[in-house]
Amino acid sequence: MKDFNDDLLIVSTAKQCARISLLVGTSIFLLFAISGVGQIMILGAFFIPLAVFVNGLILFILLLHLINHRAAWRKILLAALIMLSNIPLAILFAWLSIQISELNHIKL
């Protein structure tokens, strides 16, 4: 019989959300870094709050599941850490984008 904790939908949803956020954020950054088009920074400025909201909501639900499914605490915490690992990358990409725009005198 399959264990219920192996099938926690929120864990796979959290990991997938983290992957999508990472791919979209990295794509926006690389597109800006390669092209130098200032309007792409505006796209990134809209993406960051959207990603924070969606990932924050999923992280909150994930932590609520931690209370109800104590047997799966390792899987839930691992999913939370995967989601939280996007934060330093987003900060790095935002900082690098600002540096690139200043270096190339890009006006928005």
N, C-alpha and C. Protein backbone atom coordinates (compact mmCIF):
# COMPACT_ATOMS: atom_id res chain seq x y z
N MET A 1 0.84 -1.18 0.00
CA MET A 1 0.00 0.00 0.00
C MET A 1 0.89 1.24 0.00
N LYS A 2 0.52 2.21 -0.79
CA LYS A 2 1.29 3.44 -0.91
C LYS A 2 1.02 4.36 0.27
N ASP A 3 2.09 4.96 0.79
CA ASP A 3 1.96 5.86 1.92
C ASP A 3 1.38 7.20 1.46
N PHE A 4 0.42 7.72 2.21
CA PHE A 4 -0.23 8.99 1.87
C PHE A 4 0.77 10.13 1.82
N ASN A 5 1.76 10.11 2.70
CA ASN A 5 2.73 11.20 2.78
C ASN A 5 3.62 11.29 1.53
N ASP A 6 3.73 10.18 0.79
CA ASP A 6 4.50 10.22 -0.45
C ASP A 6 3.79 11.04 -1.52
N ASP A 7 2.49 11.20 -1.37
CA ASP A 7 1.68 11.85 -2.39
C ASP A 7 1.19 13.23 -1.99
N LEU A 8 1.87 13.90 -1.09
CA LEU A 8 1.45 15.24 -0.70
C LEU A 8 1.57 16.16 -1.92
N LEU A 9 0.44 16.59 -2.40
CA LEU A 9 0.39 17.42 -3.60
C LEU A 9 1.11 18.75 -3.40
N ILE A 10 1.04 19.31 -2.21
CA ILE A 10 1.65 20.61 -1.96
C ILE A 10 3.17 20.56 -2.11
N VAL A 11 3.78 19.42 -1.77
CA VAL A 11 5.24 19.29 -1.89
C VAL A 11 5.65 19.36 -3.36
N SER A 12 4.98 18.61 -4.21
CA SER A 12 5.32 18.65 -5.63
C SER A 12 4.95 20.00 -6.24
N THR A 13 3.86 20.60 -5.78
CA THR A 13 3.46 21.93 -6.27
C THR A 13 4.51 22.97 -5.89
N ALA A 14 5.01 22.90 -4.66
CA ALA A 14 6.02 23.85 -4.20
C ALA A 14 7.30 23.73 -5.01
N LYS A 15 7.73 22.51 -5.25
CA LYS A 15 8.95 22.30 -6.03
C LYS A 15 8.77 22.79 -7.47
N GLN A 16 7.61 22.52 -8.04
CA GLN A 16 7.34 22.97 -9.40
C GLN A 16 7.28 24.49 -9.48
N CYS A 17 6.66 25.11 -8.50
CA CYS A 17 6.57 26.58 -8.45
C CYS A 17 7.98 27.18 -8.33
N ALA A 18 8.82 26.58 -7.51
CA ALA A 18 10.20 27.06 -7.36
C ALA A 18 10.95 26.94 -8.69
N ARG A 19 10.76 25.82 -9.38
CA ARG A 19 11.41 25.63 -10.68
C ARG A 19 10.96 26.66 -11.70
N ILE A 20 9.66 26.87 -11.77
CA ILE A 20 9.12 27.83 -12.74
C ILE A 20 9.60 29.24 -12.42
N SER A 21 9.58 29.61 -11.14
CA SER A 21 10.06 30.94 -10.75
C SER A 21 11.52 31.12 -11.11
N LEU A 22 12.31 30.09 -10.87
CA LEU A 22 13.73 30.16 -11.20
C LEU A 22 13.94 30.30 -12.70
N LEU A 23 13.23 29.51 -13.48
CA LEU A 23 13.40 29.56 -14.94
C LEU A 23 12.94 30.89 -15.53
N VAL A 24 11.80 31.39 -15.07
CA VAL A 24 11.30 32.66 -15.60
C VAL A 24 12.21 33.80 -15.17
N GLY A 25 12.59 33.82 -13.90
CA GLY A 25 13.48 34.88 -13.41
C GLY A 25 14.83 34.87 -14.10
N THR A 26 15.39 33.70 -14.27
CA THR A 26 16.67 33.58 -14.97
C THR A 26 16.53 34.00 -16.43
N SER A 27 15.44 33.63 -17.06
CA SER A 27 15.21 34.02 -18.46
C SER A 27 15.10 35.53 -18.61
N ILE A 28 14.36 36.16 -17.71
CA ILE A 28 14.23 37.62 -17.77
C ILE A 28 15.59 38.27 -17.57
N PHE A 29 16.35 37.78 -16.58
CA PHE A 29 17.67 38.35 -16.34
C PHE A 29 18.60 38.18 -17.54
N LEU A 30 18.66 36.97 -18.08
CA LEU A 30 19.55 36.73 -19.23
C LEU A 30 19.13 37.53 -20.45
N LEU A 31 17.84 37.65 -20.66
CA LEU A 31 17.33 38.45 -21.78
C LEU A 31 17.78 39.90 -21.63
N PHE A 32 17.69 40.42 -20.40
CA PHE A 32 18.13 41.79 -20.16
C PHE A 32 19.65 41.91 -20.30
N ALA A 33 20.39 40.97 -19.70
CA ALA A 33 21.84 41.04 -19.73
C ALA A 33 22.39 40.95 -21.16
N ILE A 34 21.75 40.15 -21.99
CA ILE A 34 22.22 39.99 -23.37
C ILE A 34 21.79 41.15 -24.25
N SER A 35 20.53 41.59 -24.09
CA SER A 35 20.01 42.61 -24.99
C SER A 35 20.29 44.04 -24.51
N GLY A 36 20.28 44.24 -23.20
CA GLY A 36 20.47 45.59 -22.66
C GLY A 36 19.26 46.50 -22.85
N VAL A 37 18.10 45.94 -23.15
CA VAL A 37 16.88 46.72 -23.35
C VAL A 37 16.28 47.02 -21.98
N GLY A 38 16.13 48.30 -21.67
CA GLY A 38 15.68 48.73 -20.36
C GLY A 38 14.27 48.28 -20.01
N GLN A 39 13.40 48.10 -21.00
CA GLN A 39 12.03 47.70 -20.73
C GLN A 39 11.95 46.29 -20.14
N ILE A 40 12.98 45.50 -20.37
CA ILE A 40 13.00 44.16 -19.79
C ILE A 40 13.15 44.25 -18.27
N MET A 41 13.82 45.30 -17.79
CA MET A 41 13.91 45.51 -16.34
C MET A 41 12.53 45.79 -15.77
N ILE A 42 11.69 46.46 -16.52
CA ILE A 42 10.33 46.72 -16.06
C ILE A 42 9.56 45.41 -15.95
N LEU A 43 9.75 44.52 -16.92
CA LEU A 43 9.13 43.20 -16.86
C LEU A 43 9.60 42.47 -15.60
N GLY A 44 10.88 42.54 -15.31
CA GLY A 44 11.42 41.93 -14.09
C GLY A 44 10.85 42.56 -12.83
N ALA A 45 10.63 43.87 -12.88
CA ALA A 45 10.06 44.57 -11.72
C ALA A 45 8.62 44.14 -11.47
N PHE A 46 7.90 43.74 -12.50
CA PHE A 46 6.55 43.21 -12.31
C PHE A 46 6.57 41.74 -11.90
N PHE A 47 7.56 41.01 -12.41
CA PHE A 47 7.65 39.59 -12.11
C PHE A 47 8.01 39.33 -10.65
N ILE A 48 8.91 40.12 -10.10
CA ILE A 48 9.38 39.88 -8.73
C ILE A 48 8.25 39.92 -7.71
N PRO A 49 7.40 40.96 -7.67
CA PRO A 49 6.30 40.93 -6.68
C PRO A 49 5.30 39.80 -6.93
N LEU A 50 5.06 39.47 -8.20
CA LEU A 50 4.16 38.36 -8.51
C LEU A 50 4.74 37.05 -7.98
N ALA A 51 6.02 36.84 -8.22
CA ALA A 51 6.68 35.62 -7.75
C ALA A 51 6.72 35.57 -6.22
N VAL A 52 6.96 36.71 -5.59
CA VAL A 52 6.97 36.76 -4.12
C VAL A 52 5.60 36.38 -3.58
N PHE A 53 4.54 36.92 -4.17
CA PHE A 53 3.18 36.62 -3.71
C PHE A 53 2.84 35.15 -3.88
N VAL A 54 3.05 34.62 -5.08
CA VAL A 54 2.69 33.22 -5.37
C VAL A 54 3.54 32.27 -4.53
N ASN A 55 4.85 32.48 -4.51
CA ASN A 55 5.72 31.61 -3.74
C ASN A 55 5.46 31.74 -2.24
N GLY A 56 5.17 32.95 -1.78
CA GLY A 56 4.86 33.15 -0.37
C GLY A 56 3.59 32.43 0.04
N LEU A 57 2.58 32.49 -0.82
CA LEU A 57 1.32 31.80 -0.54
C LEU A 57 1.53 30.29 -0.48
N ILE A 58 2.27 29.77 -1.44
CA ILE A 58 2.52 28.32 -1.45
C ILE A 58 3.39 27.92 -0.26
N LEU A 59 4.36 28.75 0.09
CA LEU A 59 5.19 28.46 1.25
C LEU A 59 4.36 28.45 2.53
N PHE A 60 3.43 29.39 2.66
CA PHE A 60 2.54 29.43 3.82
C PHE A 60 1.70 28.16 3.90
N ILE A 61 1.14 27.73 2.79
CA ILE A 61 0.33 26.50 2.75
C ILE A 61 1.21 25.30 3.08
N LEU A 62 2.43 25.31 2.57
CA LEU A 62 3.37 24.23 2.85
C LEU A 62 3.65 24.13 4.34
N LEU A 63 3.86 25.27 4.98
CA LEU A 63 4.14 25.26 6.41
C LEU A 63 2.91 24.85 7.22
N LEU A 64 1.71 25.18 6.74
CA LEU A 64 0.50 24.69 7.40
C LEU A 64 0.40 23.17 7.30
N HIS A 65 0.81 22.62 6.17
CA HIS A 65 0.81 21.16 6.03
C HIS A 65 1.83 20.52 6.97
N LEU A 66 2.87 21.25 7.29
CA LEU A 66 3.87 20.73 8.22
C LEU A 66 3.23 20.43 9.58
N ILE A 67 2.27 21.23 9.96
CA ILE A 67 1.57 21.02 11.24
C ILE A 67 0.72 19.75 11.18
N ASN A 68 0.03 19.54 10.06
CA ASN A 68 -0.91 18.42 9.94
C ASN A 68 -0.26 17.10 9.54
N HIS A 69 0.88 17.15 8.87
CA HIS A 69 1.53 15.94 8.36
C HIS A 69 2.94 15.84 8.92
N ARG A 70 3.02 15.61 10.20
CA ARG A 70 4.33 15.56 10.87
C ARG A 70 5.20 14.41 10.37
N ALA A 71 4.60 13.35 9.87
CA ALA A 71 5.38 12.22 9.38
C ALA A 71 6.18 12.59 8.13
N ALA A 72 5.72 13.59 7.40
CA ALA A 72 6.40 13.99 6.15
C ALA A 72 7.19 15.27 6.34
N TRP A 73 7.64 15.55 7.55
CA TRP A 73 8.29 16.83 7.83
C TRP A 73 9.56 17.04 7.01
N ARG A 74 10.30 15.99 6.74
CA ARG A 74 11.53 16.16 5.95
C ARG A 74 11.23 16.59 4.52
N LYS A 75 10.25 15.96 3.92
CA LYS A 75 9.87 16.31 2.54
C LYS A 75 9.33 17.73 2.48
N ILE A 76 8.54 18.10 3.47
CA ILE A 76 7.95 19.44 3.48
C ILE A 76 9.03 20.50 3.70
N LEU A 77 9.93 20.26 4.64
CA LEU A 77 11.00 21.23 4.88
C LEU A 77 11.95 21.33 3.70
N LEU A 78 12.22 20.22 3.05
CA LEU A 78 13.08 20.26 1.86
C LEU A 78 12.42 21.09 0.76
N ALA A 79 11.14 20.92 0.56
CA ALA A 79 10.42 21.72 -0.43
C ALA A 79 10.46 23.20 -0.06
N ALA A 80 10.31 23.50 1.24
CA ALA A 80 10.38 24.90 1.69
C ALA A 80 11.77 25.47 1.45
N LEU A 81 12.81 24.71 1.71
CA LEU A 81 14.18 25.18 1.47
C LEU A 81 14.44 25.40 -0.02
N ILE A 82 13.91 24.54 -0.85
CA ILE A 82 14.05 24.71 -2.30
C ILE A 82 13.39 26.01 -2.72
N MET A 83 12.20 26.28 -2.17
CA MET A 83 11.51 27.54 -2.51
C MET A 83 12.30 28.74 -2.01
N LEU A 84 12.82 28.66 -0.79
CA LEU A 84 13.55 29.78 -0.21
C LEU A 84 14.90 30.02 -0.89
N SER A 85 15.43 29.00 -1.57
CA SER A 85 16.71 29.17 -2.26
C SER A 85 16.62 30.15 -3.42
N ASN A 86 15.41 30.43 -3.89
CA ASN A 86 15.24 31.40 -4.98
C ASN A 86 15.47 32.84 -4.51
N ILE A 87 15.34 33.10 -3.23
CA ILE A 87 15.47 34.47 -2.72
C ILE A 87 16.86 35.05 -2.98
N PRO A 88 17.95 34.36 -2.58
CA PRO A 88 19.26 34.95 -2.86
C PRO A 88 19.54 35.10 -4.36
N LEU A 89 19.02 34.19 -5.16
CA LEU A 89 19.21 34.31 -6.61
C LEU A 89 18.47 35.52 -7.16
N ALA A 90 17.27 35.77 -6.69
CA ALA A 90 16.51 36.94 -7.15
C ALA A 90 17.23 38.23 -6.75
N ILE A 91 17.76 38.26 -5.54
CA ILE A 91 18.52 39.44 -5.10
C ILE A 91 19.76 39.63 -5.96
N LEU A 92 20.47 38.54 -6.23
CA LEU A 92 21.66 38.62 -7.09
C LEU A 92 21.31 39.12 -8.49
N PHE A 93 20.25 38.57 -9.08
CA PHE A 93 19.85 38.98 -10.43
C PHE A 93 19.43 40.45 -10.45
N ALA A 94 18.70 40.89 -9.43
CA ALA A 94 18.28 42.29 -9.37
C ALA A 94 19.50 43.20 -9.24
N TRP A 95 20.42 42.84 -8.37
CA TRP A 95 21.63 43.65 -8.17
C TRP A 95 22.46 43.70 -9.46
N LEU A 96 22.65 42.54 -10.10
CA LEU A 96 23.42 42.51 -11.34
C LEU A 96 22.73 43.32 -12.44
N SER A 97 21.41 43.28 -12.49
CA SER A 97 20.68 44.05 -13.50
C SER A 97 20.89 45.54 -13.28
N ILE A 98 20.87 45.97 -12.03
CA ILE A 98 21.13 47.39 -11.73
C ILE A 98 22.55 47.76 -12.12
N GLN A 99 23.50 46.90 -11.82
CA GLN A 99 24.89 47.18 -12.19
C GLN A 99 25.06 47.25 -13.71
N ILE A 100 24.44 46.33 -14.42
CA ILE A 100 24.52 46.33 -15.89
C ILE A 100 23.89 47.60 -16.45
N SER A 101 22.74 47.99 -15.91
CA SER A 101 22.06 49.18 -16.44
C SER A 101 22.87 50.44 -16.16
N GLU A 102 23.51 50.51 -14.99
CA GLU A 102 24.35 51.67 -14.70
C GLU A 102 25.61 51.69 -15.56
N LEU A 103 26.18 50.53 -15.78
CA LEU A 103 27.39 50.43 -16.59
C LEU A 103 27.12 50.82 -18.03
N ASN A 104 25.98 50.44 -18.54
CA ASN A 104 25.63 50.72 -19.94
C ASN A 104 24.79 51.98 -20.09
N HIS A 105 24.58 52.72 -19.00
CA HIS A 105 23.79 53.96 -19.00
C HIS A 105 22.41 53.75 -19.63
N ILE A 106 21.74 52.69 -19.18
CA ILE A 106 20.41 52.37 -19.69
C ILE A 106 19.39 53.17 -18.90
N LYS A 107 18.54 53.89 -19.62
CA LYS A 107 17.48 54.67 -19.01
C LYS A 107 16.16 53.92 -19.19
N LEU A 108 15.35 53.95 -18.14
CA LEU A 108 14.04 53.28 -18.23
C LEU A 108 13.00 54.19 -18.78
